[in-house]
Amino acid sequence: MSPTLHALLILLVAGGVTFLIRALPFLLFGNGERVSPQLHFIGRTLPLSVIAVLIVYCLKDAILSSFSALWPQLIGILITALLHLWKHNNLISIAGGTIIYMILIRLL
């Protein structure tokens, strides 16, 4: 099998799986029926849980390495949270916190 064909097949399979994963909720729950309370609970709590895990993962090395390295990360998290509370927009929150963090690690 040629490398080009191999790469094309990999892209097609990856694209098909991605499309299926994205379309599956609409296929399963798109008929207008009420969603079960358990599924509704998971839909409400899972995004917050994932964000909490990501914050812990990002801060684990900074807490153990040095206290001075922790300040830019804490300020970036605070800015992200404040922007989200103010604008209720994930993109603005994440971009704003990341920009502030990148500026602070260059300055401090």
PDB file of N, CA and C in Angstrom:
ATOM      1  N   MET A   1       0.854  -1.177   0.000  1.00  0.00           N
ATOM      2  CA  MET A   1       0.000   0.000   0.000  1.00  0.00           C
ATOM      3  C   MET A   1       0.892   1.229   0.000  1.00  0.00           C
ATOM      4  N   SER A   2       0.559   2.166  -0.850  1.00  0.00           N
ATOM      5  CA  SER A   2       1.375   3.374  -0.955  1.00  0.00           C
ATOM      6  C   SER A   2       1.148   4.265   0.266  1.00  0.00           C
ATOM      7  N   PRO A   3       2.161   5.055   0.623  1.00  0.00           N
ATOM      8  CA  PRO A   3       2.016   5.957   1.776  1.00  0.00           C
ATOM      9  C   PRO A   3       0.882   6.974   1.601  1.00  0.00           C
ATOM     10  N   THR A   4       0.652   7.412   0.368  1.00  0.00           N
ATOM     11  CA  THR A   4      -0.421   8.374   0.129  1.00  0.00           C
ATOM     12  C   THR A   4      -1.787   7.740   0.374  1.00  0.00           C
ATOM     13  N   LEU A   5      -1.982   6.540  -0.127  1.00  0.00           N
ATOM     14  CA  LEU A   5      -3.243   5.835   0.082  1.00  0.00           C
ATOM     15  C   LEU A   5      -3.455   5.533   1.562  1.00  0.00           C
ATOM     16  N   HIS A   6      -2.389   5.140   2.233  1.00  0.00           N
ATOM     17  CA  HIS A   6      -2.458   4.848   3.663  1.00  0.00           C
ATOM     18  C   HIS A   6      -2.877   6.099   4.438  1.00  0.00           C
ATOM     19  N   ALA A   7      -2.269   7.214   4.144  1.00  0.00           N
ATOM     20  CA  ALA A   7      -2.611   8.464   4.822  1.00  0.00           C
ATOM     21  C   ALA A   7      -4.057   8.864   4.518  1.00  0.00           C
ATOM     22  N   LEU A   8      -4.490   8.683   3.285  1.00  0.00           N
ATOM     23  CA  LEU A   8      -5.857   9.013   2.902  1.00  0.00           C
ATOM     24  C   LEU A   8      -6.864   8.140   3.644  1.00  0.00           C
ATOM     25  N   LEU A   9      -6.575   6.840   3.756  1.00  0.00           N
ATOM     26  CA  LEU A   9      -7.467   5.947   4.491  1.00  0.00           C
ATOM     27  C   LEU A   9      -7.534   6.322   5.972  1.00  0.00           C
ATOM     28  N   ILE A  10      -6.419   6.690   6.553  1.00  0.00           N
ATOM     29  CA  ILE A  10      -6.400   7.116   7.956  1.00  0.00           C
ATOM     30  C   ILE A  10      -7.258   8.366   8.137  1.00  0.00           C
ATOM     31  N   LEU A  11      -7.121   9.326   7.228  1.00  0.00           N
ATOM     32  CA  LEU A  11      -7.927  10.544   7.307  1.00  0.00           C
ATOM     33  C   LEU A  11      -9.414  10.253   7.148  1.00  0.00           C
ATOM     34  N   LEU A  12      -9.762   9.370   6.236  1.00  0.00           N
ATOM     35  CA  LEU A  12     -11.176   9.025   6.032  1.00  0.00           C
ATOM     36  C   LEU A  12     -11.761   8.336   7.259  1.00  0.00           C
ATOM     37  N   VAL A  13     -11.024   7.406   7.837  1.00  0.00           N
ATOM     38  CA  VAL A  13     -11.521   6.717   9.031  1.00  0.00           C
ATOM     39  C   VAL A  13     -11.643   7.689  10.198  1.00  0.00           C
ATOM     40  N   ALA A  14     -10.623   8.525  10.406  1.00  0.00           N
ATOM     41  CA  ALA A  14     -10.670   9.498  11.499  1.00  0.00           C
ATOM     42  C   ALA A  14     -11.819  10.480  11.299  1.00  0.00           C
ATOM     43  N   GLY A  15     -12.020  10.943  10.073  1.00  0.00           N
ATOM     44  CA  GLY A  15     -13.130  11.850   9.788  1.00  0.00           C
ATOM     45  C   GLY A  15     -14.484  11.189   9.995  1.00  0.00           C
ATOM     46  N   GLY A  16     -14.613   9.950   9.560  1.00  0.00           N
ATOM     47  CA  GLY A  16     -15.869   9.225   9.746  1.00  0.00           C
ATOM     48  C   GLY A  16     -16.193   8.989  11.210  1.00  0.00           C
ATOM     49  N   VAL A  17     -15.200   8.595  11.989  1.00  0.00           N
ATOM     50  CA  VAL A  17     -15.411   8.372  13.421  1.00  0.00           C
ATOM     51  C   VAL A  17     -15.766   9.687  14.114  1.00  0.00           C
ATOM     52  N   THR A  18     -15.078  10.757  13.771  1.00  0.00           N
ATOM     53  CA  THR A  18     -15.380  12.065  14.358  1.00  0.00           C
ATOM     54  C   THR A  18     -16.807  12.493  14.024  1.00  0.00           C
ATOM     55  N   PHE A  19     -17.201  12.328  12.783  1.00  0.00           N
ATOM     56  CA  PHE A  19     -18.561  12.686  12.383  1.00  0.00           C
ATOM     57  C   PHE A  19     -19.583  11.839  13.135  1.00  0.00           C
ATOM     58  N   LEU A  20     -19.330  10.546  13.265  1.00  0.00           N
ATOM     59  CA  LEU A  20     -20.252   9.669  13.967  1.00  0.00           C
ATOM     60  C   LEU A  20     -20.384  10.053  15.442  1.00  0.00           C
ATOM     61  N   ILE A  21     -19.270  10.365  16.072  1.00  0.00           N
ATOM     62  CA  ILE A  21     -19.312  10.769  17.477  1.00  0.00           C
ATOM     63  C   ILE A  21     -20.098  12.059  17.641  1.00  0.00           C
ATOM     64  N   ARG A  22     -19.922  12.991  16.731  1.00  0.00           N
ATOM     65  CA  ARG A  22     -20.652  14.272  16.814  1.00  0.00           C
ATOM     66  C   ARG A  22     -22.136  14.100  16.495  1.00  0.00           C
ATOM     67  N   ALA A  23     -22.480  13.199  15.595  1.00  0.00           N
ATOM     68  CA  ALA A  23     -23.872  13.032  15.177  1.00  0.00           C
ATOM     69  C   ALA A  23     -24.656  12.092  16.087  1.00  0.00           C
ATOM     70  N   LEU A  24     -23.980  11.241  16.824  1.00  0.00           N
ATOM     71  CA  LEU A  24     -24.650  10.228  17.639  1.00  0.00           C
ATOM     72  C   LEU A  24     -25.641  10.806  18.650  1.00  0.00           C
ATOM     73  N   PRO A  25     -25.328  11.872  19.396  1.00  0.00           N
ATOM     74  CA  PRO A  25     -26.330  12.418  20.324  1.00  0.00           C
ATOM     75  C   PRO A  25     -27.601  12.887  19.615  1.00  0.00           C
ATOM     76  N   PHE A  26     -27.451  13.473  18.433  1.00  0.00           N
ATOM     77  CA  PHE A  26     -28.627  13.927  17.695  1.00  0.00           C
ATOM     78  C   PHE A  26     -29.446  12.744  17.191  1.00  0.00           C
ATOM     79  N   LEU A  27     -28.776  11.671  16.825  1.00  0.00           N
ATOM     80  CA  LEU A  27     -29.489  10.483  16.374  1.00  0.00           C
ATOM     81  C   LEU A  27     -30.218   9.801  17.527  1.00  0.00           C
ATOM     82  N   LEU A  28     -29.587   9.786  18.707  1.00  0.00           N
ATOM     83  CA  LEU A  28     -30.189   9.109  19.852  1.00  0.00           C
ATOM     84  C   LEU A  28     -31.273   9.939  20.533  1.00  0.00           C
ATOM     85  N   PHE A  29     -31.059  11.248  20.629  1.00  0.00           N
ATOM     86  CA  PHE A  29     -31.959  12.085  21.420  1.00  0.00           C
ATOM     87  C   PHE A  29     -32.654  13.163  20.606  1.00  0.00           C
ATOM     88  N   GLY A  30     -32.623  13.080  19.310  1.00  0.00           N
ATOM     89  CA  GLY A  30     -33.193  14.126  18.467  1.00  0.00           C
ATOM     90  C   GLY A  30     -34.665  13.962  18.151  1.00  0.00           C
ATOM     91  N   ASN A  31     -35.330  12.974  18.742  1.00  0.00           N
ATOM     92  CA  ASN A  31     -36.730  12.736  18.391  1.00  0.00           C
ATOM     93  C   ASN A  31     -37.705  13.545  19.233  1.00  0.00           C
ATOM     94  N   GLY A  32     -37.233  14.417  20.110  1.00  0.00           N
ATOM     95  CA  GLY A  32     -38.110  15.286  20.883  1.00  0.00           C
ATOM     96  C   GLY A  32     -38.570  14.707  22.202  1.00  0.00           C
ATOM     97  N   GLU A  33     -38.185  13.497  22.526  1.00  0.00           N
ATOM     98  CA  GLU A  33     -38.567  12.909  23.810  1.00  0.00           C
ATOM     99  C   GLU A  33     -37.757  13.555  24.935  1.00  0.00           C
ATOM    100  N   ARG A  34     -38.300  13.488  26.124  1.00  0.00           N
ATOM    101  CA  ARG A  34     -37.584  14.019  27.275  1.00  0.00           C
ATOM    102  C   ARG A  34     -36.392  13.131  27.596  1.00  0.00           C
ATOM    103  N   VAL A  35     -35.329  13.772  28.010  1.00  0.00           N
ATOM    104  CA  VAL A  35     -34.111  13.057  28.373  1.00  0.00           C
ATOM    105  C   VAL A  35     -34.253  12.596  29.820  1.00  0.00           C
ATOM    106  N   SER A  36     -33.695  11.445  30.134  1.00  0.00           N
ATOM    107  CA  SER A  36     -33.802  10.920  31.491  1.00  0.00           C
ATOM    108  C   SER A  36     -33.121  11.868  32.485  1.00  0.00           C
ATOM    109  N   PRO A  37     -33.563  11.865  33.739  1.00  0.00           N
ATOM    110  CA  PRO A  37     -32.956  12.750  34.746  1.00  0.00           C
ATOM    111  C   PRO A  37     -31.466  12.469  34.961  1.00  0.00           C
ATOM    112  N   GLN A  38     -31.072  11.208  34.849  1.00  0.00           N
ATOM    113  CA  GLN A  38     -29.665  10.865  35.022  1.00  0.00           C
ATOM    114  C   GLN A  38     -28.811  11.480  33.916  1.00  0.00           C
ATOM    115  N   LEU A  39     -29.293  11.395  32.696  1.00  0.00           N
ATOM    116  CA  LEU A  39     -28.553  11.962  31.575  1.00  0.00           C
ATOM    117  C   LEU A  39     -28.513  13.485  31.658  1.00  0.00           C
ATOM    118  N   HIS A  40     -29.601  14.077  32.106  1.00  0.00           N
ATOM    119  CA  HIS A  40     -29.641  15.529  32.292  1.00  0.00           C
ATOM    120  C   HIS A  40     -28.632  15.949  33.371  1.00  0.00           C
ATOM    121  N   PHE A  41     -28.545  15.177  34.454  1.00  0.00           N
ATOM    122  CA  PHE A  41     -27.578  15.453  35.522  1.00  0.00           C
ATOM    123  C   PHE A  41     -26.149  15.364  35.000  1.00  0.00           C
ATOM    124  N   ILE A  42     -25.856  14.337  34.223  1.00  0.00           N
ATOM    125  CA  ILE A  42     -24.509  14.187  33.655  1.00  0.00           C
ATOM    126  C   ILE A  42     -24.199  15.349  32.718  1.00  0.00           C
ATOM    127  N   GLY A  43     -25.165  15.770  31.923  1.00  0.00           N
ATOM    128  CA  GLY A  43     -24.957  16.892  31.015  1.00  0.00           C
ATOM    129  C   GLY A  43     -24.680  18.194  31.741  1.00  0.00           C
ATOM    130  N   ARG A  44     -25.258  18.358  32.928  1.00  0.00           N
ATOM    131  CA  ARG A  44     -25.024  19.574  33.715  1.00  0.00           C
ATOM    132  C   ARG A  44     -23.696  19.534  34.460  1.00  0.00           C
ATOM    133  N   THR A  45     -23.308  18.376  34.970  1.00  0.00           N
ATOM    134  CA  THR A  45     -22.141  18.303  35.856  1.00  0.00           C
ATOM    135  C   THR A  45     -20.833  17.924  35.160  1.00  0.00           C
ATOM    136  N   LEU A  46     -20.887  17.214  34.063  1.00  0.00           N
ATOM    137  CA  LEU A  46     -19.657  16.745  33.421  1.00  0.00           C
ATOM    138  C   LEU A  46     -18.742  17.871  32.941  1.00  0.00           C
ATOM    139  N   PRO A  47     -19.246  18.930  32.302  1.00  0.00           N
ATOM    140  CA  PRO A  47     -18.332  19.997  31.883  1.00  0.00           C
ATOM    141  C   PRO A  47     -17.588  20.639  33.056  1.00  0.00           C
ATOM    142  N   LEU A  48     -18.273  20.865  34.166  1.00  0.00           N
ATOM    143  CA  LEU A  48     -17.605  21.434  35.339  1.00  0.00           C
ATOM    144  C   LEU A  48     -16.567  20.474  35.904  1.00  0.00           C
ATOM    145  N   SER A  49     -16.868  19.194  35.883  1.00  0.00           N
ATOM    146  CA  SER A  49     -15.919  18.197  36.375  1.00  0.00           C
ATOM    147  C   SER A  49     -14.665  18.159  35.512  1.00  0.00           C
ATOM    148  N   VAL A  50     -14.849  18.222  34.217  1.00  0.00           N
ATOM    149  CA  VAL A  50     -13.698  18.200  33.301  1.00  0.00           C
ATOM    150  C   VAL A  50     -12.827  19.437  33.523  1.00  0.00           C
ATOM    151  N   ILE A  51     -13.440  20.604  33.687  1.00  0.00           N
ATOM    152  CA  ILE A  51     -12.674  21.825  33.928  1.00  0.00           C
ATOM    153  C   ILE A  51     -11.918  21.733  35.249  1.00  0.00           C
ATOM    154  N   ALA A  52     -12.546  21.183  36.288  1.00  0.00           N
ATOM    155  CA  ALA A  52     -11.875  21.023  37.577  1.00  0.00           C
ATOM    156  C   ALA A  52     -10.662  20.107  37.453  1.00  0.00           C
ATOM    157  N   VAL A  53     -10.802  19.015  36.725  1.00  0.00           N
ATOM    158  CA  VAL A  53      -9.678  18.100  36.516  1.00  0.00           C
ATOM    159  C   VAL A  53      -8.565  18.791  35.742  1.00  0.00           C
ATOM    160  N   LEU A  54      -8.902  19.582  34.726  1.00  0.00           N
ATOM    161  CA  LEU A  54      -7.887  20.298  33.947  1.00  0.00           C
ATOM    162  C   LEU A  54      -7.144  21.322  34.804  1.00  0.00           C
ATOM    163  N   ILE A  55      -7.853  22.007  35.692  1.00  0.00           N
ATOM    164  CA  ILE A  55      -7.195  22.978  36.576  1.00  0.00           C
ATOM    165  C   ILE A  55      -6.220  22.270  37.505  1.00  0.00           C
ATOM    166  N   VAL A  56      -6.643  21.173  38.103  1.00  0.00           N
ATOM    167  CA  VAL A  56      -5.751  20.413  38.991  1.00  0.00           C
ATOM    168  C   VAL A  56      -4.543  19.906  38.212  1.00  0.00           C
ATOM    169  N   TYR A  57      -4.769  19.404  37.008  1.00  0.00           N
ATOM    170  CA  TYR A  57      -3.671  18.900  36.185  1.00  0.00           C
ATOM    171  C   TYR A  57      -2.679  20.011  35.834  1.00  0.00           C
ATOM    172  N   CYS A  58      -3.184  21.197  35.521  1.00  0.00           N
ATOM    173  CA  CYS A  58      -2.309  22.306  35.152  1.00  0.00           C
ATOM    174  C   CYS A  58      -1.513  22.827  36.343  1.00  0.00           C
ATOM    175  N   LEU A  59      -2.100  22.775  37.520  1.00  0.00           N
ATOM    176  CA  LEU A  59      -1.437  23.349  38.692  1.00  0.00           C
ATOM    177  C   LEU A  59      -0.556  22.362  39.448  1.00  0.00           C
ATOM    178  N   LYS A  60      -0.639  21.085  39.172  1.00  0.00           N
ATOM    179  CA  LYS A  60       0.090  20.096  39.972  1.00  0.00           C
ATOM    180  C   LYS A  60       1.598  20.306  39.937  1.00  0.00           C
ATOM    181  N   ASP A  61       2.168  20.624  38.796  1.00  0.00           N
ATOM    182  CA  ASP A  61       3.610  20.817  38.709  1.00  0.00           C
ATOM    183  C   ASP A  61       4.033  22.161  39.277  1.00  0.00           C
ATOM    184  N   ALA A  62       3.228  23.176  39.130  1.00  0.00           N
ATOM    185  CA  ALA A  62       3.586  24.502  39.637  1.00  0.00           C
ATOM    186  C   ALA A  62       3.606  24.518  41.156  1.00  0.00           C
ATOM    187  N   ILE A  63       2.684  23.842  41.780  1.00  0.00           N
ATOM    188  CA  ILE A  63       2.639  23.809  43.241  1.00  0.00           C
ATOM    189  C   ILE A  63       3.855  23.075  43.783  1.00  0.00           C
ATOM    190  N   LEU A  64       4.284  22.039  43.111  1.00  0.00           N
ATOM    191  CA  LEU A  64       5.409  21.253  43.598  1.00  0.00           C
ATOM    192  C   LEU A  64       6.757  21.876  43.244  1.00  0.00           C
ATOM    193  N   SER A  65       6.827  22.652  42.174  1.00  0.00           N
ATOM    194  CA  SER A  65       8.123  23.164  41.734  1.00  0.00           C
ATOM    195  C   SER A  65       8.532  24.423  42.495  1.00  0.00           C
ATOM    196  N   SER A  66       7.809  25.495  42.343  1.00  0.00           N
ATOM    197  CA  SER A  66       8.164  26.729  43.044  1.00  0.00           C
ATOM    198  C   SER A  66       6.930  27.587  43.228  1.00  0.00           C
ATOM    199  N   PHE A  67       6.922  28.324  44.314  1.00  0.00           N
ATOM    200  CA  PHE A  67       5.768  29.160  44.620  1.00  0.00           C
ATOM    201  C   PHE A  67       5.673  30.334  43.657  1.00  0.00           C
ATOM    202  N   SER A  68       6.806  30.841  43.170  1.00  0.00           N
ATOM    203  CA  SER A  68       6.774  31.995  42.263  1.00  0.00           C
ATOM    204  C   SER A  68       6.175  31.625  40.898  1.00  0.00           C
ATOM    205  N   ALA A  69       6.323  30.381  40.489  1.00  0.00           N
ATOM    206  CA  ALA A  69       5.748  29.944  39.215  1.00  0.00           C
ATOM    207  C   ALA A  69       4.233  29.795  39.308  1.00  0.00           C
ATOM    208  N   LEU A  70       3.724  29.748  40.515  1.00  0.00           N
ATOM    209  CA  LEU A  70       2.299  29.559  40.714  1.00  0.00           C
ATOM    210  C   LEU A  70       1.500  30.838  40.464  1.00  0.00           C
ATOM    211  N   TRP A  71       2.091  32.014  40.699  1.00  0.00           N
ATOM    212  CA  TRP A  71       1.359  33.281  40.578  1.00  0.00           C
ATOM    213  C   TRP A  71       0.784  33.528  39.185  1.00  0.00           C
ATOM    214  N   PRO A  72       1.554  33.387  38.116  1.00  0.00           N
ATOM    215  CA  PRO A  72       0.942  33.609  36.787  1.00  0.00           C
ATOM    216  C   PRO A  72      -0.229  32.668  36.505  1.00  0.00           C
ATOM    217  N   GLN A  73      -0.117  31.429  36.955  1.00  0.00           N
ATOM    218  CA  GLN A  73      -1.201  30.483  36.727  1.00  0.00           C
ATOM    219  C   GLN A  73      -2.441  30.844  37.531  1.00  0.00           C
ATOM    220  N   LEU A  74      -2.256  31.224  38.786  1.00  0.00           N
ATOM    221  CA  LEU A  74      -3.401  31.604  39.608  1.00  0.00           C
ATOM    222  C   LEU A  74      -4.081  32.859  39.076  1.00  0.00           C
ATOM    223  N   ILE A  75      -3.287  33.830  38.638  1.00  0.00           N
ATOM    224  CA  ILE A  75      -3.863  35.054  38.075  1.00  0.00           C
ATOM    225  C   ILE A  75      -4.583  34.741  36.770  1.00  0.00           C
ATOM    226  N   GLY A  76      -4.016  33.873  35.939  1.00  0.00           N
ATOM    227  CA  GLY A  76      -4.672  33.465  34.696  1.00  0.00           C
ATOM    228  C   GLY A  76      -6.000  32.774  34.959  1.00  0.00           C
ATOM    229  N   ILE A  77      -6.046  31.906  35.967  1.00  0.00           N
ATOM    230  CA  ILE A  77      -7.290  31.231  36.330  1.00  0.00           C
ATOM    231  C   ILE A  77      -8.309  32.239  36.844  1.00  0.00           C
ATOM    232  N   LEU A  78      -7.860  33.175  37.672  1.00  0.00           N
ATOM    233  CA  LEU A  78      -8.758  34.197  38.206  1.00  0.00           C
ATOM    234  C   LEU A  78      -9.339  35.069  37.087  1.00  0.00           C
ATOM    235  N   ILE A  79      -8.489  35.487  36.149  1.00  0.00           N
ATOM    236  CA  ILE A  79      -8.958  36.297  35.021  1.00  0.00           C
ATOM    237  C   ILE A  79      -9.953  35.506  34.175  1.00  0.00           C
ATOM    238  N   THR A  80      -9.660  34.235  33.943  1.00  0.00           N
ATOM    239  CA  THR A  80     -10.571  33.387  33.174  1.00  0.00           C
ATOM    240  C   THR A  80     -11.928  33.291  33.854  1.00  0.00           C
ATOM    241  N   ALA A  81     -11.920  33.061  35.163  1.00  0.00           N
ATOM    242  CA  ALA A  81     -13.182  32.950  35.906  1.00  0.00           C
ATOM    243  C   ALA A  81     -13.954  34.269  35.887  1.00  0.00           C
ATOM    244  N   LEU A  82     -13.249  35.380  36.099  1.00  0.00           N
ATOM    245  CA  LEU A  82     -13.923  36.677  36.107  1.00  0.00           C
ATOM    246  C   LEU A  82     -14.506  37.019  34.740  1.00  0.00           C
ATOM    247  N   LEU A  83     -13.747  36.745  33.687  1.00  0.00           N
ATOM    248  CA  LEU A  83     -14.263  36.996  32.340  1.00  0.00           C
ATOM    249  C   LEU A  83     -15.486  36.136  32.048  1.00  0.00           C
ATOM    250  N   HIS A  84     -15.453  34.898  32.521  1.00  0.00           N
ATOM    251  CA  HIS A  84     -16.592  34.025  32.271  1.00  0.00           C
ATOM    252  C   HIS A  84     -17.826  34.489  33.053  1.00  0.00           C
ATOM    253  N   LEU A  85     -17.619  34.918  34.286  1.00  0.00           N
ATOM    254  CA  LEU A  85     -18.748  35.427  35.063  1.00  0.00           C
ATOM    255  C   LEU A  85     -19.308  36.706  34.460  1.00  0.00           C
ATOM    256  N   TRP A  86     -18.444  37.497  33.842  1.00  0.00           N
ATOM    257  CA  TRP A  86     -18.861  38.772  33.259  1.00  0.00           C
ATOM    258  C   TRP A  86     -19.541  38.580  31.906  1.00  0.00           C
ATOM    259  N   LYS A  87     -18.894  37.832  31.002  1.00  0.00           N
ATOM    260  CA  LYS A  87     -19.369  37.730  29.617  1.00  0.00           C
ATOM    261  C   LYS A  87     -20.142  36.445  29.306  1.00  0.00           C
ATOM    262  N   HIS A  88     -19.981  35.404  30.110  1.00  0.00           N
ATOM    263  CA  HIS A  88     -20.623  34.102  29.859  1.00  0.00           C
ATOM    264  C   HIS A  88     -20.281  33.574  28.466  1.00  0.00           C
ATOM    265  N   ASN A  89     -19.022  33.725  28.080  1.00  0.00           N
ATOM    266  CA  ASN A  89     -18.559  33.282  26.773  1.00  0.00           C
ATOM    267  C   ASN A  89     -17.265  32.493  26.963  1.00  0.00           C
ATOM    268  N   ASN A  90     -17.306  31.200  26.630  1.00  0.00           N
ATOM    269  CA  ASN A  90     -16.134  30.342  26.841  1.00  0.00           C
ATOM    270  C   ASN A  90     -14.921  30.813  26.064  1.00  0.00           C
ATOM    271  N   LEU A  91     -15.122  31.210  24.820  1.00  0.00           N
ATOM    272  CA  LEU A  91     -14.003  31.617  23.979  1.00  0.00           C
ATOM    273  C   LEU A  91     -13.297  32.850  24.541  1.00  0.00           C
ATOM    274  N   ILE A  92     -14.073  33.850  24.935  1.00  0.00           N
ATOM    275  CA  ILE A  92     -13.477  35.065  25.511  1.00  0.00           C
ATOM    276  C   ILE A  92     -12.768  34.738  26.819  1.00  0.00           C
ATOM    277  N   SER A  93     -13.380  33.908  27.643  1.00  0.00           N
ATOM    278  CA  SER A  93     -12.796  33.553  28.933  1.00  0.00           C
ATOM    279  C   SER A  93     -11.458  32.839  28.759  1.00  0.00           C
ATOM    280  N   ILE A  94     -11.439  31.828  27.933  1.00  0.00           N
ATOM    281  CA  ILE A  94     -10.219  31.041  27.742  1.00  0.00           C
ATOM    282  C   ILE A  94      -9.144  31.873  27.060  1.00  0.00           C
ATOM    283  N   ALA A  95      -9.511  32.618  26.035  1.00  0.00           N
ATOM    284  CA  ALA A  95      -8.526  33.452  25.337  1.00  0.00           C
ATOM    285  C   ALA A  95      -7.973  34.534  26.255  1.00  0.00           C
ATOM    286  N   GLY A  96      -8.841  35.196  27.014  1.00  0.00           N
ATOM    287  CA  GLY A  96      -8.377  36.247  27.920  1.00  0.00           C
ATOM    288  C   GLY A  96      -7.448  35.720  28.991  1.00  0.00           C
ATOM    289  N   GLY A  97      -7.820  34.619  29.622  1.00  0.00           N
ATOM    290  CA  GLY A  97      -6.955  34.021  30.644  1.00  0.00           C
ATOM    291  C   GLY A  97      -5.625  33.556  30.083  1.00  0.00           C
ATOM    292  N   THR A  98      -5.654  32.974  28.882  1.00  0.00           N
ATOM    293  CA  THR A  98      -4.417  32.514  28.255  1.00  0.00           C
ATOM    294  C   THR A  98      -3.510  33.683  27.891  1.00  0.00           C
ATOM    295  N   ILE A  99      -4.075  34.748  27.360  1.00  0.00           N
ATOM    296  CA  ILE A  99      -3.271  35.921  26.990  1.00  0.00           C
ATOM    297  C   ILE A  99      -2.623  36.534  28.228  1.00  0.00           C
ATOM    298  N   ILE A 100      -3.400  36.692  29.299  1.00  0.00           N
ATOM    299  CA  ILE A 100      -2.849  37.250  30.535  1.00  0.00           C
ATOM    300  C   ILE A 100      -1.752  36.342  31.082  1.00  0.00           C
ATOM    301  N   TYR A 101      -1.990  35.038  31.068  1.00  0.00           N
ATOM    302  CA  TYR A 101      -0.978  34.094  31.557  1.00  0.00           C
ATOM    303  C   TYR A 101       0.310  34.190  30.735  1.00  0.00           C
ATOM    304  N   MET A 102       0.182  34.251  29.413  1.00  0.00           N
ATOM    305  CA  MET A 102       1.371  34.314  28.562  1.00  0.00           C
ATOM    306  C   MET A 102       2.144  35.625  28.788  1.00  0.00           C
ATOM    307  N   ILE A 103       1.431  36.712  29.007  1.00  0.00           N
ATOM    308  CA  ILE A 103       2.103  37.983  29.302  1.00  0.00           C
ATOM    309  C   ILE A 103       2.824  37.899  30.633  1.00  0.00           C
ATOM    310  N   LEU A 104       2.167  37.315  31.646  1.00  0.00           N
ATOM    311  CA  LEU A 104       2.758  37.253  32.986  1.00  0.00           C
ATOM    312  C   LEU A 104       3.989  36.352  33.038  1.00  0.00           C
ATOM    313  N   ILE A 105       3.991  35.242  32.311  1.00  0.00           N
ATOM    314  CA  ILE A 105       5.181  34.388  32.369  1.00  0.00           C
ATOM    315  C   ILE A 105       6.363  35.018  31.660  1.00  0.00           C
ATOM    316  N   ARG A 106       6.089  35.958  30.749  1.00  0.00           N
ATOM    317  CA  ARG A 106       7.195  36.670  30.093  1.00  0.00           C
ATOM    318  C   ARG A 106       7.728  37.804  30.977  1.00  0.00           C
ATOM    319  N   LEU A 107       6.836  38.393  31.795  1.00  0.00           N
ATOM    320  CA  LEU A 107       7.239  39.540  32.606  1.00  0.00           C
ATOM    321  C   LEU A 107       7.781  39.151  33.974  1.00  0.00           C
ATOM    322  N   LEU A 108       7.259  38.086  34.567  1.00  0.00           N
ATOM    323  CA  LEU A 108       7.665  37.720  35.931  1.00  0.00           C
ATOM    324  C   LEU A 108       8.781  36.704  35.943  1.00  0.00           C
TER     325      LEU A 108
END
